[in-house]
Amino acid sequence: MASVNKVILVGNLGADPETRYLPSGDAVCNIRIATTDRIRDKTSGEYKESTEWHRIVFFGKLAETAGQYLKKGRQVYVEGRIRTNKWQDKEGNERYTTEIIGNEMKMLGSREGMGSPSASEGEYGGSMPSAPAAGASRQAPAKKTPSFEDMDDDIPF
């Protein structure tokens, strides 16, 4: 039987990313994001918020991008898989840490600290952002939408 281990989160960073490098030179970036649920209490009718914190780890180029562009408070979309690590503390007790291994990340919200806010949001699924093309401020020429009159009359049926 096949199985699926996939996580999709949209939340806000609780702290700036922590980036380090392995002896191989590969980057590893750790972030913590908070997701909040709003639930209506059946007895009082009031809304109550419940916040959950998630540990996320990025590797390689995506780790470098996350470390460079993410900041505390920034909203982010993350896709990945759950991994639980088992280890022993100083007293010999078994401990567990559950984290998400991120394989896709998209920055949401405004681009604070990156110039003026933009209507289009950054998407960094492992690749670095590209520089704006020369003349990007000019509008592209309007394309003519096809119409019924544009169709060729030599239809073979």
Protein backbone atom coordinates (compact mmCIF):
# COMPACT_ATOMS: atom_id res chain seq x y z
CA MET A 1 0.00 0.00 0.00
CA ALA A 2 1.33 3.45 -0.88
CA SER A 3 1.65 6.19 1.70
CA VAL A 4 1.87 9.98 1.64
CA ASN A 5 3.89 12.24 3.91
CA LYS A 6 3.09 15.80 2.84
CA VAL A 7 2.67 18.98 4.85
CA ILE A 8 1.39 22.35 3.63
CA LEU A 9 1.64 25.31 5.99
CA VAL A 10 0.99 29.04 5.75
CA GLY A 11 2.20 30.95 8.77
CA ASN A 12 4.39 33.73 10.13
CA LEU A 13 8.03 33.45 11.13
CA GLY A 14 8.58 33.68 14.88
CA ALA A 15 12.27 34.58 14.54
CA ASP A 16 14.87 35.31 11.90
CA PRO A 17 16.16 32.22 10.06
CA GLU A 18 19.23 30.41 11.40
CA THR A 19 21.52 29.36 8.56
CA ARG A 20 24.61 27.20 8.94
CA TYR A 21 26.81 25.21 6.60
CA LEU A 22 27.71 21.54 6.72
CA PRO A 23 31.33 20.42 6.25
CA SER A 24 30.36 19.53 2.67
CA GLY A 25 29.49 23.21 2.08
CA ASP A 26 25.74 22.59 1.81
CA ALA A 27 23.52 25.15 3.55
CA VAL A 28 20.99 24.23 6.25
CA CYS A 29 18.40 26.79 7.34
CA ASN A 30 16.05 26.42 10.32
CA ILE A 31 12.92 28.51 10.75
CA ARG A 32 9.97 28.44 13.11
CA ILE A 33 6.54 29.44 11.90
CA ALA A 34 3.29 29.90 13.76
CA THR A 35 -0.10 28.88 12.43
CA THR A 36 -3.23 30.12 14.17
CA ASP A 37 -6.71 28.60 14.16
CA ARG A 38 -9.78 30.57 15.16
CA ILE A 39 -12.42 28.39 16.77
CA ARG A 40 -15.83 29.48 18.01
CA ASP A 41 -16.63 28.35 21.54
CA LYS A 42 -20.04 26.61 21.46
CA THR A 43 -21.02 27.66 24.98
CA SER A 44 -20.04 31.35 24.97
CA GLY A 45 -20.13 32.01 21.22
CA GLU A 46 -16.79 33.82 21.44
CA TYR A 47 -13.89 33.10 19.14
CA LYS A 48 -10.73 31.63 20.64
CA GLU A 49 -7.37 31.45 18.93
CA SER A 50 -5.05 28.49 19.11
CA THR A 51 -1.46 28.90 17.88
CA GLU A 52 0.75 25.99 16.84
CA TRP A 53 4.52 26.34 16.29
CA HIS A 54 6.33 24.36 13.58
CA ARG A 55 10.04 23.72 13.08
CA ILE A 56 11.08 23.74 9.44
CA VAL A 57 14.43 22.78 7.93
CA PHE A 58 15.57 23.68 4.41
CA PHE A 59 18.65 22.27 2.68
CA GLY A 60 20.84 23.41 -0.22
CA LYS A 61 19.91 26.33 -2.46
CA LEU A 62 16.48 26.67 -0.86
CA ALA A 63 18.18 27.04 2.55
CA GLU A 64 20.36 29.85 1.21
CA THR A 65 17.33 31.62 -0.26
CA ALA A 66 15.32 31.26 2.96
CA GLY A 67 18.22 32.53 5.05
CA GLN A 68 18.73 35.52 2.79
CA TYR A 69 15.15 36.69 2.24
CA LEU A 70 13.02 35.58 5.19
CA LYS A 71 12.70 37.77 8.29
CA LYS A 72 10.83 37.57 11.59
CA GLY A 73 7.11 38.26 11.14
CA ARG A 74 7.11 37.50 7.42
CA GLN A 75 4.30 35.30 6.12
CA VAL A 76 5.46 32.19 4.27
CA TYR A 77 4.00 29.17 2.45
CA VAL A 78 5.91 25.92 3.02
CA GLU A 79 5.51 22.44 1.57
CA GLY A 80 7.46 19.49 2.86
CA ARG A 81 7.36 16.25 4.79
CA ILE A 82 7.30 15.41 8.49
CA ARG A 83 10.36 13.85 10.11
CA THR A 84 10.70 12.83 13.76
CA ASN A 85 14.18 12.58 15.28
CA LYS A 86 14.86 10.41 18.33
CA TRP A 87 17.76 11.29 20.67
CA GLN A 88 18.91 10.96 24.28
CA ASP A 89 19.31 13.90 26.63
CA LYS A 90 22.06 14.28 29.26
CA GLU A 91 20.15 12.13 31.75
CA GLY A 92 19.73 9.31 29.21
CA ASN A 93 16.02 9.94 28.59
CA GLU A 94 14.70 9.39 25.09
CA ARG A 95 13.54 12.60 23.47
CA TYR A 96 11.74 13.28 20.20
CA THR A 97 11.78 16.29 17.94
CA THR A 98 9.31 16.60 15.07
CA GLU A 99 10.21 18.89 12.20
CA ILE A 100 9.24 19.55 8.63
CA ILE A 101 11.78 19.06 5.87
CA GLY A 102 10.82 21.86 3.50
CA ASN A 103 11.11 21.25 -0.23
CA GLU A 104 9.17 24.30 -1.41
CA MET A 105 8.84 27.81 0.00
CA LYS A 106 6.95 30.87 -1.21
CA MET A 107 7.15 34.24 0.45
CA LEU A 108 3.75 35.84 0.95
CA GLY A 109 2.65 39.32 1.93
CA SER A 110 4.49 42.54 1.21
CA ARG A 111 8.16 42.69 0.35
CA GLU A 112 9.33 44.63 3.39
CA GLY A 113 12.92 45.77 3.05
CA MET A 114 13.02 44.82 -0.62
CA GLY A 115 11.82 48.06 -2.18
CA SER A 116 8.22 49.06 -2.66
CA PRO A 117 5.44 46.52 -2.11
CA SER A 118 4.38 44.69 -5.22
CA ALA A 119 1.15 43.06 -6.30
CA SER A 120 3.04 39.95 -7.44
CA GLU A 121 4.53 37.91 -4.64
CA GLY A 122 7.89 36.16 -4.69
CA GLU A 123 8.01 32.45 -5.32
CA TYR A 124 11.23 30.74 -4.42
CA GLY A 125 10.83 27.02 -4.80
CA GLY A 126 14.55 26.41 -4.66
CA SER A 127 15.80 28.93 -7.19
CA MET A 128 17.23 32.37 -6.63
CA PRO A 129 15.18 35.39 -7.68
CA SER A 130 16.10 36.77 -11.06
CA ALA A 131 17.02 40.38 -11.68
CA PRO A 132 14.41 42.53 -13.41
CA ALA A 133 14.77 42.51 -17.18
CA ALA A 134 15.95 45.65 -18.92
CA GLY A 135 13.00 47.85 -19.75
CA ALA A 136 10.75 45.96 -17.34
CA SER A 137 8.94 49.19 -16.54
CA ARG A 138 7.59 49.39 -20.10
CA GLN A 139 4.30 47.67 -20.76
CA ALA A 140 4.16 44.83 -23.23
CA PRO A 141 2.18 45.59 -26.39
CA ALA A 142 -1.45 44.57 -26.14
CA LYS A 143 -2.18 41.23 -27.77
CA LYS A 144 -5.16 40.95 -30.07
CA THR A 145 -7.62 38.38 -28.78
CA PRO A 146 -8.67 35.88 -31.44
CA SER A 147 -12.19 36.23 -32.77
CA PHE A 148 -14.52 34.21 -34.99
CA GLU A 149 -13.74 36.48 -37.98
CA ASP A 150 -10.01 35.59 -37.74
CA MET A 151 -10.65 31.92 -38.51
CA ASP A 152 -9.60 30.54 -41.87
CA ASP A 153 -12.48 29.76 -44.26
CA ASP A 154 -10.65 26.79 -45.83
CA ILE A 155 -11.81 24.24 -43.30
CA PRO A 156 -11.58 20.76 -44.89
CA PHE A 157 -14.89 19.35 -43.65
